[in-house]
Protein backbone atom coordinates (compact mmCIF):
# COMPACT_ATOMS: atom_id res chain seq x y z
CA UNK A 1 -2.67 -7.32 27.04
CA UNK A 2 -6.22 -6.09 26.10
CA UNK A 3 -8.15 -3.02 27.10
CA UNK A 4 -11.52 -3.43 28.71
CA UNK A 5 -12.73 -0.92 26.36
CA UNK A 6 -15.73 -0.20 28.67
CA UNK A 7 -15.36 2.96 30.81
CA UNK A 8 -15.43 2.02 34.62
CA UNK A 9 -18.45 3.18 36.43
CA UNK A 10 -16.13 4.76 38.98
CA UNK A 11 -14.57 7.05 36.51
CA UNK A 12 -14.44 10.56 37.97
CA UNK A 13 -13.96 13.00 35.09
CA UNK A 14 -13.20 15.93 37.39
CA UNK A 15 -10.30 13.98 39.12
CA UNK A 16 -9.10 13.06 35.71
CA UNK A 17 -8.93 16.60 34.47
CA UNK A 18 -7.01 17.42 37.70
CA UNK A 19 -4.15 15.14 36.35
CA UNK A 20 -3.94 17.18 33.06
CA UNK A 21 -1.12 19.45 32.33
CA UNK A 22 -3.46 22.56 31.75
CA UNK A 23 -5.10 22.03 35.13
CA UNK A 24 -1.80 21.93 36.88
CA UNK A 25 -0.42 24.80 34.95
CA UNK A 26 -3.28 27.01 35.81
CA UNK A 27 -3.43 25.97 39.39
CA UNK A 28 0.35 26.69 39.78
CA UNK A 29 -0.18 30.16 38.13
CA UNK A 30 -2.91 31.01 40.51
CA UNK A 31 -0.98 29.87 43.55
CA UNK A 32 2.04 31.97 42.56
CA UNK A 33 -0.04 34.96 41.47
CA UNK A 34 -1.73 34.95 44.94
CA UNK A 35 1.53 34.63 46.78
CA UNK A 36 2.84 37.64 44.74
CA UNK A 37 -0.41 39.49 45.22
CA UNK A 38 -0.24 40.19 41.41
CA UNK A 39 -3.55 41.47 40.52
CA UNK A 40 -2.73 41.56 36.81
CA UNK A 41 -1.60 37.95 36.85
CA UNK A 42 -4.84 36.90 38.67
CA UNK A 43 -6.85 38.62 35.96
CA UNK A 44 -4.90 37.42 32.90
CA UNK A 45 -4.20 33.73 33.12
CA UNK A 46 -2.11 32.09 30.34
CA UNK A 47 -4.43 32.14 27.39
CA UNK A 48 -3.83 28.72 25.70
CA UNK A 49 -3.85 26.40 28.78
CA UNK A 50 -6.62 28.43 30.32
CA UNK A 51 -8.79 28.04 27.16
CA UNK A 52 -7.91 24.32 26.84
CA UNK A 53 -8.92 23.69 30.61
CA UNK A 54 -12.23 25.43 29.75
CA UNK A 55 -12.83 23.09 26.80
CA UNK A 56 -12.12 20.04 29.01
CA UNK A 57 -14.66 21.19 31.53
CA UNK A 58 -17.07 21.55 28.78
CA UNK A 59 -16.57 17.95 27.86
CA UNK A 60 -17.05 16.92 31.60
CA UNK A 61 -20.60 18.37 31.53
CA UNK A 62 -21.62 16.07 28.65
CA UNK A 63 -22.84 12.44 28.59
CA UNK A 64 -20.88 9.20 28.25
CA UNK A 65 -17.57 11.05 29.09
CA UNK A 66 -14.34 8.87 28.69
CA UNK A 67 -10.69 9.59 27.92
CA UNK A 68 -9.07 7.79 25.01
CA UNK A 69 -5.22 7.68 25.02
CA UNK A 70 -3.57 8.06 21.66
CA UNK A 71 0.15 8.68 22.30
CA UNK A 72 2.57 7.41 24.96
CA UNK A 73 5.98 8.80 25.14
CA UNK A 74 9.24 7.88 26.96
CA UNK A 75 11.13 11.02 27.36
CA UNK A 76 14.75 11.43 28.42
CA UNK A 77 14.78 14.79 30.07
CA UNK A 78 17.38 16.55 32.25
CA UNK A 79 16.10 17.64 35.69
CA UNK A 80 17.57 19.49 38.58
CA UNK A 81 17.97 17.59 41.72
CA UNK A 82 19.68 19.17 44.81
CA UNK A 83 21.39 21.60 42.42
CA UNK A 84 22.73 18.82 40.19
CA UNK A 85 21.55 18.28 36.63
CA UNK A 86 20.81 14.56 35.87
CA UNK A 87 18.86 12.68 33.17
CA UNK A 88 15.96 10.59 33.89
CA UNK A 89 13.31 8.75 31.91
CA UNK A 90 9.70 10.02 32.25
CA UNK A 91 6.53 9.06 30.56
CA UNK A 92 3.84 11.23 29.32
CA UNK A 93 0.64 10.48 27.46
CA UNK A 94 -2.07 12.38 25.58
CA UNK A 95 -5.33 11.82 23.87
CA UNK A 96 -8.87 12.96 23.92
CA UNK A 97 -11.44 13.42 26.57
CA UNK A 98 -14.61 12.46 24.61
CA UNK A 99 -18.30 12.88 25.41
CA UNK A 100 -21.68 13.20 23.60
CA UNK A 101 -24.33 15.99 23.70
CA UNK A 102 -27.84 15.32 24.72
CA UNK A 103 -28.66 15.03 21.01
CA UNK A 104 -25.98 12.29 20.62
CA UNK A 105 -23.32 14.51 18.81
CA UNK A 106 -19.69 13.68 19.72
CA UNK A 107 -17.52 16.27 21.16
CA UNK A 108 -13.80 15.86 22.11
CA UNK A 109 -10.93 17.96 23.50
CA UNK A 110 -7.16 17.10 23.75
CA UNK A 111 -5.50 16.33 27.08
CA UNK A 112 -1.77 15.79 28.04
CA UNK A 113 -0.79 14.04 31.40
CA UNK A 114 2.72 13.62 32.87
CA UNK A 115 4.31 17.07 32.60
CA UNK A 116 3.21 20.58 33.16
CA UNK A 117 4.52 24.17 33.55
CA UNK A 118 5.10 25.24 37.05
CA UNK A 119 5.37 28.76 38.46
CA UNK A 120 7.07 30.16 41.61
CA UNK A 121 7.72 33.41 43.24
CA UNK A 122 10.99 35.23 44.10
CA UNK A 123 11.82 38.33 46.17
CA UNK A 124 10.95 41.50 44.40
CA UNK A 125 14.14 42.70 42.80
CA UNK A 126 12.73 46.38 42.49
CA UNK A 127 11.67 46.60 46.11
CA UNK A 128 11.73 49.96 47.85
CA UNK A 129 11.38 50.60 51.59
CA UNK A 130 10.14 53.73 53.43
CA UNK A 131 13.27 55.40 54.87
CA UNK A 132 11.41 56.37 58.07
CA UNK A 133 9.52 53.11 58.89
CA UNK A 134 11.43 50.40 56.92
CA UNK A 135 8.03 49.27 55.46
CA UNK A 136 8.04 47.71 51.90
CA UNK A 137 6.53 50.04 49.30
CA UNK A 138 5.77 47.29 46.84
CA UNK A 139 4.79 43.67 46.99
CA UNK A 140 7.53 41.51 48.74
CA UNK A 141 7.41 38.87 45.98
CA UNK A 142 7.02 38.68 42.26
CA UNK A 143 6.21 35.89 39.64
CA UNK A 144 9.40 33.89 38.94
CA UNK A 145 10.47 32.06 35.93
CA UNK A 146 8.39 28.97 34.84
CA UNK A 147 9.82 25.49 34.66
CA UNK A 148 8.75 22.20 33.14
CA UNK A 149 7.96 19.50 35.76
CA UNK A 150 7.89 15.75 34.85
CA UNK A 151 5.66 13.69 36.91
CA UNK A 152 5.90 10.06 35.90
CA UNK A 153 9.40 8.68 36.28
CA UNK A 154 9.72 5.26 34.66
CA UNK A 155 12.26 2.52 35.23
CA UNK A 156 12.64 -1.00 33.67
CA UNK A 157 10.77 -2.42 36.68
CA UNK A 158 7.69 -0.17 36.71
CA UNK A 159 7.21 0.81 33.09
CA UNK A 160 4.90 -2.10 31.91
CA UNK A 161 2.62 -1.66 34.96
CA UNK A 162 2.26 2.08 34.37
CA UNK A 163 1.65 1.66 30.72
CA UNK A 164 -1.04 -1.03 31.17
CA UNK A 165 -2.80 1.12 33.74
CA UNK A 166 -2.99 4.00 31.28
CA UNK A 167 -4.30 1.90 28.51
CA UNK A 168 -6.94 0.53 30.83
CA UNK A 169 -8.06 3.97 31.90
CA UNK A 170 -7.74 5.25 28.41
CA UNK A 171 -10.01 2.80 26.93
CA UNK A 172 -7.29 2.02 24.29
CA UNK A 173 -5.89 -1.11 22.55
CA UNK A 174 -2.00 -1.08 22.41
CA UNK A 175 -2.11 -1.11 18.49
CA UNK A 176 -4.06 2.22 18.48
CA UNK A 177 -1.37 4.10 20.31
CA UNK A 178 1.60 5.87 18.78
CA UNK A 179 4.68 5.04 20.78
CA UNK A 180 7.46 7.69 20.91
CA UNK A 181 11.02 7.71 22.35
CA UNK A 182 12.28 11.26 22.83
CA UNK A 183 15.64 12.53 23.89
CA UNK A 184 15.49 16.18 24.72
CA UNK A 185 18.29 18.40 23.58
CA UNK A 186 20.95 19.19 26.28
CA UNK A 187 24.64 20.38 26.23
CA UNK A 188 25.87 16.97 25.15
CA UNK A 189 22.86 15.73 23.18
CA UNK A 190 20.66 16.62 20.22
CA UNK A 191 16.88 16.56 20.09
CA UNK A 192 15.79 13.21 18.95
CA UNK A 193 12.18 12.03 18.44
CA UNK A 194 11.45 8.45 17.22
CA UNK A 195 7.90 6.93 16.61
CA UNK A 196 9.11 3.62 15.31
CA UNK A 197 8.26 1.57 18.55
CA UNK A 198 5.40 -0.65 19.60
CA UNK A 199 3.75 -1.72 22.84
CA UNK A 200 5.99 -4.86 22.86
CA UNK A 201 9.11 -2.70 22.57
CA UNK A 202 8.22 -0.50 25.45
CA UNK A 203 7.13 -3.32 27.72
CA UNK A 204 9.70 -6.10 26.91
CA UNK A 205 12.88 -4.13 26.35
CA UNK A 206 15.01 -2.19 28.77
CA UNK A 207 14.92 1.60 28.37
CA UNK A 208 18.59 1.45 27.61
CA UNK A 209 17.69 -1.02 24.72
CA UNK A 210 15.09 1.25 23.42
CA UNK A 211 17.60 4.15 23.52
CA UNK A 212 20.19 2.09 21.64
CA UNK A 213 17.59 0.83 19.04
CA UNK A 214 16.65 4.41 18.32
CA UNK A 215 20.15 5.33 17.62
CA UNK A 216 20.57 2.39 15.53
CA UNK A 217 17.85 2.58 13.10
CA UNK A 218 14.57 2.59 15.28
CA UNK A 219 12.08 0.18 16.85
CA UNK A 220 10.02 -2.72 15.55
CA UNK A 221 8.48 -0.61 12.88
CA UNK A 222 11.61 -0.08 10.83
CA UNK A 223 14.15 -2.34 9.19
CA UNK A 224 16.68 -1.09 11.56
CA UNK A 225 19.28 0.40 9.20
CA UNK A 226 21.56 3.15 10.29
CA UNK A 227 24.66 5.10 9.21
CA UNK A 228 27.42 4.56 11.79
CA UNK A 229 28.86 7.95 12.53
CA UNK A 230 32.25 6.46 13.27
CA UNK A 231 32.95 5.12 9.79
CA UNK A 232 29.93 6.37 7.72
CA UNK A 233 28.90 2.92 6.63
CA UNK A 234 25.48 1.50 6.64
CA UNK A 235 24.77 -1.11 9.32
CA UNK A 236 22.05 -3.20 10.73
CA UNK A 237 20.92 -3.15 14.56
CA UNK A 238 23.62 -5.63 15.34
CA UNK A 239 26.37 -3.53 13.74
CA UNK A 240 26.79 -5.78 10.59
CA UNK A 241 27.52 -4.13 7.31
CA UNK A 242 24.70 -4.01 4.85
């Protein structure tokens, strides 16, 4: 698989920015703040994502703008579905939105796509009512607790197609990307981050095989040695003693 390396004429930088985590986070904050009629929240947006969004919009106003993908991650994360916690594989990717000034000076800012912080509202727990009219004295709703939302679920059947589309849009050759497998900490797991994989690993092996490789010494970039927790002995990927 090769990347075209030439930005498509149809590339819409503003639509691309709308896919980024900071754009979605600020949009979610604004929606929740308006619903809660929270004047303070509408004045003071989360500083870091708001600043990063401003930077991306600065790049969008430049010349020869293009995204360049640098990191692609498969992330095993626990999500809540219909009140039940379940683990699913999601893909995120990050890189730089690059452009040049009128004087030809390069300028770039970071982006992440595939997950974002989302806000909601909940009934005001401190609400008070007029004893004569029953009218609420305070705002009916307040800002709720934020949560992380993962957007790109991957399976063995769709992962190669998704990755190839990302590489094409991201003006990137597979060998220029860092490939990560991440298992987020949960009640029965520990946080595990592994960058020993390649494009071939991610597109020719099942996700279960990738997980097992990571637990047994890593992907194609490592010799594949690991210490078996059952007996404490060093073994290769196939379980043979070293």
